[in-house]
Amino acid sequence: MVTVYNTSKEIAEADPPIAILPVGSLEQHGEHLPIATDWIRADDMGERLAEVLGNCYLLPAIAYANSQEHMDMAGTITLRPSTLALVIEDIVLSLRHHGIRRIVVLTTHGGNWILKPTIRDLNFRFPDLRIIHSDGPLLSERDRMPTDIHAGKGETSALLALRPKLVKGRSPDQSPPFGQEWNDYVGYGTTTKTGAWGEPSKADPDSWEESTQKAIEHRVEYIRETFERLDEELGPIDEA
């Protein structure tokens, strides 16, 4: 393992094939934990992973990330999602310039949602890169893998109910041996071959219609209640 505490010569001699990029945040953590909690955790997790992986380049954890949801509490610092995405891209392209093409991105802050589309975009634009998340189901953990996420039972049921004439038979049922995060790495053409991930053969337009109606009723209730509670918390919107 090499880090930024090594010299450039030492890193070149080690020639690490993998880089680890931890991403934390600086945001309020209640009245008992420091602002740096997520950053400290990210730094620690990155070091633990690097120690076990061996020959890799461990980067310092990024402290500044996307914490807009915490900005009403003192001490929080946030980057816009677009800013964080550009920071990640610049770091990744710097590593690529030095010949490191395998990069692990880990985050200890759930609000850093922009990391997912950023990883997907970079893998798409730079086929010579292998950027992955730090966790996902193993081949032996089929129970953790999604079974119906795209053009499967759910979406086929929907189109049979809404526009049946547009449904042209069925793609073969398949649940690929990957976690959904693999679509951030290689796309549906590799993970599914046909583009469908699920069981279109089990499509049932009647059950879809029933479940959709229940979902609509719940969403209407949620929308009305949420706007009412927002007005209670923030005051009514000035319509003038």
Protein backbone atom coordinates (compact mmCIF):
# COMPACT_ATOMS: atom_id res chain seq x y z
CA MET A 1 0.00 0.00 0.00
CA VAL A 2 1.17 3.51 -0.83
CA THR A 3 -0.37 6.79 0.26
CA VAL A 4 0.18 10.50 -0.22
CA TYR A 5 2.79 10.25 2.55
CA ASN A 6 4.99 8.34 0.12
CA THR A 7 7.20 10.10 -2.41
CA SER A 8 6.39 10.19 -6.10
CA LYS A 9 9.36 7.87 -6.71
CA GLU A 10 8.08 5.35 -4.17
CA ILE A 11 4.61 5.35 -5.72
CA ALA A 12 6.06 4.88 -9.21
CA GLU A 13 8.18 1.95 -8.00
CA ALA A 14 5.21 0.33 -6.26
CA ASP A 15 3.18 0.68 -9.48
CA PRO A 16 -0.16 0.10 -7.72
CA PRO A 17 -2.85 -1.29 -10.04
CA ILE A 18 -5.73 -0.10 -7.84
CA ALA A 19 -6.61 3.21 -6.19
CA ILE A 20 -9.04 3.65 -3.31
CA LEU A 21 -10.98 6.91 -3.13
CA PRO A 22 -12.94 7.39 0.12
CA VAL A 23 -15.60 10.11 0.25
CA GLY A 24 -16.99 11.44 3.52
CA SER A 25 -18.71 14.70 4.39
CA LEU A 26 -18.63 17.60 6.82
CA GLU A 27 -22.09 17.87 8.36
CA GLN A 28 -23.87 18.09 11.67
CA HIS A 29 -24.16 14.83 13.61
CA GLY A 30 -26.40 15.79 16.46
CA GLU A 31 -25.25 17.19 19.77
CA HIS A 32 -22.80 14.38 20.57
CA LEU A 33 -20.72 13.70 17.42
CA PRO A 34 -18.27 15.93 15.53
CA ILE A 35 -18.91 17.54 12.16
CA ALA A 36 -16.12 15.33 10.76
CA THR A 37 -17.81 12.02 11.63
CA ASP A 38 -18.35 10.80 8.05
CA TRP A 39 -14.90 11.98 6.97
CA ILE A 40 -13.25 10.14 9.88
CA ARG A 41 -15.19 6.98 9.06
CA ALA A 42 -14.34 7.20 5.35
CA ASP A 43 -10.65 7.67 6.09
CA ASP A 44 -10.66 4.69 8.45
CA MET A 45 -12.56 2.41 6.06
CA GLY A 46 -10.27 3.31 3.19
CA GLU A 47 -7.21 2.44 5.27
CA ARG A 48 -8.69 -0.88 6.38
CA LEU A 49 -9.52 -1.85 2.80
CA ALA A 50 -6.08 -0.84 1.56
CA GLU A 51 -4.29 -2.85 4.24
CA VAL A 52 -6.08 -6.02 3.18
CA LEU A 53 -5.95 -5.40 -0.58
CA GLY A 54 -2.21 -4.84 -0.46
CA ASN A 55 -0.61 -3.09 -3.43
CA CYS A 56 -2.92 -0.12 -3.95
CA TYR A 57 -2.81 3.66 -3.79
CA LEU A 58 -4.87 4.91 -0.86
CA LEU A 59 -6.03 8.48 -1.39
CA PRO A 60 -6.99 10.77 1.48
CA ALA A 61 -10.71 10.78 2.17
CA ILE A 62 -12.56 13.68 0.59
CA ALA A 63 -13.99 15.77 3.40
CA TYR A 64 -16.20 18.11 1.40
CA ALA A 65 -19.22 16.49 -0.23
CA ASN A 66 -22.96 16.92 -0.79
CA SER A 67 -24.69 17.78 2.49
CA GLN A 68 -27.38 20.27 1.47
CA GLU A 69 -29.94 18.52 3.66
CA HIS A 70 -27.91 19.47 6.76
CA MET A 71 -27.25 23.12 5.87
CA ASP A 72 -29.71 24.54 8.35
CA MET A 73 -27.40 23.43 11.18
CA ALA A 74 -24.13 25.11 12.10
CA GLY A 75 -20.80 23.86 10.86
CA THR A 76 -22.06 21.94 7.85
CA ILE A 77 -20.17 22.46 4.60
CA THR A 78 -21.60 21.34 1.28
CA LEU A 79 -20.65 21.04 -2.36
CA ARG A 80 -23.27 21.10 -5.07
CA PRO A 81 -23.79 17.64 -6.61
CA SER A 82 -22.36 18.88 -9.91
CA THR A 83 -19.26 20.16 -8.12
CA LEU A 84 -18.66 16.86 -6.34
CA ALA A 85 -19.09 15.01 -9.64
CA LEU A 86 -16.42 17.18 -11.26
CA VAL A 87 -14.06 16.70 -8.31
CA ILE A 88 -14.42 12.92 -8.63
CA GLU A 89 -13.86 13.10 -12.37
CA ASP A 90 -10.70 15.19 -12.04
CA ILE A 91 -9.26 12.78 -9.47
CA VAL A 92 -10.12 9.74 -11.59
CA LEU A 93 -8.59 11.27 -14.72
CA SER A 94 -5.45 12.16 -12.76
CA LEU A 95 -5.12 8.52 -11.72
CA ARG A 96 -5.76 7.41 -15.31
CA HIS A 97 -3.00 9.75 -16.50
CA HIS A 98 -0.60 7.89 -14.21
CA GLY A 99 -1.70 4.48 -15.44
CA ILE A 100 -4.04 3.50 -12.61
CA ARG A 101 -7.20 2.24 -14.31
CA ARG A 102 -8.89 0.33 -11.46
CA ILE A 103 -10.52 2.61 -8.91
CA VAL A 104 -12.67 1.83 -5.87
CA VAL A 105 -14.98 4.61 -4.69
CA LEU A 106 -16.44 4.30 -1.20
CA THR A 107 -18.65 6.68 0.71
CA THR A 108 -19.82 6.85 4.30
CA HIS A 109 -22.51 9.46 3.62
CA GLY A 110 -25.78 8.39 2.03
CA GLY A 111 -26.39 11.90 0.72
CA ASN A 112 -23.55 11.50 -1.79
CA TRP A 113 -26.02 10.05 -4.31
CA ILE A 114 -24.23 11.81 -7.18
CA LEU A 115 -21.40 9.26 -6.93
CA LYS A 116 -23.52 6.58 -8.60
CA PRO A 117 -24.29 8.42 -11.85
CA THR A 118 -20.75 9.82 -11.85
CA ILE A 119 -19.25 6.32 -11.74
CA ARG A 120 -21.63 5.18 -14.47
CA ASP A 121 -20.81 8.17 -16.67
CA LEU A 122 -17.04 7.78 -16.33
CA ASN A 123 -17.15 4.05 -17.08
CA PHE A 124 -19.25 4.81 -20.16
CA ARG A 125 -17.01 7.58 -21.46
CA PHE A 126 -13.70 5.89 -20.66
CA PRO A 127 -13.85 2.16 -21.55
CA ASP A 128 -10.26 1.70 -20.38
CA LEU A 129 -11.31 2.49 -16.79
CA ARG A 130 -12.76 0.10 -14.22
CA ILE A 131 -14.42 2.26 -11.55
CA ILE A 132 -16.44 0.30 -8.99
CA HIS A 133 -18.34 0.80 -5.76
CA SER A 134 -16.78 -0.65 -2.63
CA ASP A 135 -19.60 -3.09 -1.94
CA GLY A 136 -22.21 -5.27 -3.62
CA PRO A 137 -23.49 -8.85 -3.60
CA LEU A 138 -21.04 -11.69 -4.24
CA LEU A 139 -21.74 -14.47 -6.74
CA SER A 140 -22.53 -16.69 -3.74
CA GLU A 141 -25.11 -14.20 -2.44
CA ARG A 142 -27.87 -14.61 -5.00
CA ASP A 143 -30.46 -13.66 -2.37
CA ARG A 144 -29.01 -10.13 -2.34
CA MET A 145 -29.29 -9.71 -6.10
CA PRO A 146 -32.33 -7.97 -7.65
CA THR A 147 -34.74 -10.19 -9.56
CA ASP A 148 -37.03 -7.76 -11.40
CA ILE A 149 -35.72 -4.30 -12.17
CA HIS A 150 -36.14 -3.60 -15.90
CA ALA A 151 -38.60 -4.83 -18.55
CA GLY A 152 -39.57 -7.68 -16.23
CA LYS A 153 -42.85 -8.59 -14.56
CA GLY A 154 -43.62 -5.07 -13.33
CA GLU A 155 -43.02 -3.02 -16.46
CA THR A 156 -44.45 -5.69 -18.77
CA SER A 157 -47.60 -5.77 -16.65
CA ALA A 158 -47.83 -1.98 -16.91
CA LEU A 159 -47.59 -1.91 -20.70
CA LEU A 160 -50.04 -4.80 -21.07
CA ALA A 161 -52.50 -2.72 -19.06
CA LEU A 162 -51.75 0.64 -20.70
CA ARG A 163 -50.74 -0.11 -24.31
CA PRO A 164 -51.11 -3.87 -24.97
CA LYS A 165 -50.64 -3.51 -28.73
CA LEU A 166 -47.12 -2.20 -28.13
CA VAL A 167 -46.04 -5.36 -26.29
CA LYS A 168 -44.28 -7.66 -28.75
CA GLY A 169 -44.14 -11.07 -27.13
CA ARG A 170 -41.76 -11.52 -24.20
CA SER A 171 -38.01 -11.35 -23.69
CA PRO A 172 -36.70 -14.46 -21.95
CA ASP A 173 -36.92 -14.47 -18.16
CA GLN A 174 -33.54 -13.84 -16.60
CA SER A 175 -32.04 -12.72 -13.32
CA PRO A 176 -28.38 -12.03 -14.08
CA PRO A 177 -25.72 -13.12 -11.55
CA PHE A 178 -24.84 -9.52 -10.70
CA GLY A 179 -25.91 -6.79 -8.33
CA GLN A 180 -27.69 -3.83 -9.90
CA GLU A 181 -24.52 -1.77 -9.43
CA TRP A 182 -23.03 -3.71 -12.36
CA ASN A 183 -25.08 -1.50 -14.67
CA ASP A 184 -22.81 1.32 -13.49
CA TYR A 185 -19.83 -0.71 -14.69
CA VAL A 186 -20.82 -2.28 -18.01
CA GLY A 187 -24.47 -1.46 -18.86
CA TYR A 188 -27.46 -3.64 -19.68
CA GLY A 189 -25.99 -4.94 -22.92
CA THR A 190 -23.48 -6.92 -20.89
CA THR A 191 -25.46 -7.68 -17.73
CA THR A 192 -28.62 -8.87 -19.51
CA LYS A 193 -27.79 -9.39 -23.23
CA THR A 194 -31.47 -8.80 -24.17
CA GLY A 195 -32.00 -5.63 -22.10
CA ALA A 196 -34.59 -7.22 -19.79
CA TRP A 197 -33.83 -8.00 -16.15
CA GLY A 198 -36.66 -9.94 -14.55
CA GLU A 199 -39.55 -12.24 -15.39
CA PRO A 200 -41.77 -10.77 -18.11
CA SER A 201 -43.51 -14.15 -18.47
CA LYS A 202 -45.20 -13.51 -15.10
CA ALA A 203 -46.71 -10.20 -16.18
CA ASP A 204 -50.26 -9.65 -14.91
CA PRO A 205 -52.02 -6.45 -16.05
CA ASP A 206 -54.93 -6.94 -13.65
CA SER A 207 -52.74 -7.12 -10.54
CA TRP A 208 -50.71 -4.16 -11.84
CA GLU A 209 -53.88 -2.07 -12.17
CA GLU A 210 -54.91 -2.93 -8.61
CA SER A 211 -51.51 -2.20 -7.09
CA THR A 212 -51.18 1.02 -9.09
CA GLN A 213 -54.51 2.31 -7.84
CA LYS A 214 -53.39 1.68 -4.26
CA ALA A 215 -50.13 3.46 -5.00
CA ILE A 216 -51.97 6.47 -6.44
CA GLU A 217 -54.19 6.71 -3.36
CA HIS A 218 -51.17 6.59 -1.07
CA ARG A 219 -49.25 9.15 -3.11
CA VAL A 220 -52.16 11.58 -3.18
CA GLU A 221 -52.43 11.30 0.60
CA TYR A 222 -48.68 11.79 0.95
CA ILE A 223 -48.62 14.84 -1.35
CA ARG A 224 -51.45 16.58 0.47
CA GLU A 225 -50.09 15.77 3.91
CA THR A 226 -46.53 16.80 3.01
CA PHE A 227 -47.49 20.20 1.60
CA GLU A 228 -49.63 20.82 4.68
CA ARG A 229 -46.81 19.87 7.04
CA LEU A 230 -44.28 21.94 5.07
CA ASP A 231 -46.51 24.97 5.52
CA GLU A 232 -46.67 24.22 9.24
CA GLU A 233 -42.88 23.95 9.50
CA LEU A 234 -41.84 26.74 7.13
CA GLY A 235 -44.89 28.95 6.97
CA PRO A 236 -47.22 29.34 3.97
CA ILE A 237 -45.79 30.30 0.59
CA ASP A 238 -46.32 33.93 -0.37
CA GLU A 239 -48.41 33.54 -3.53
CA ALA A 240 -48.17 37.25 -4.43
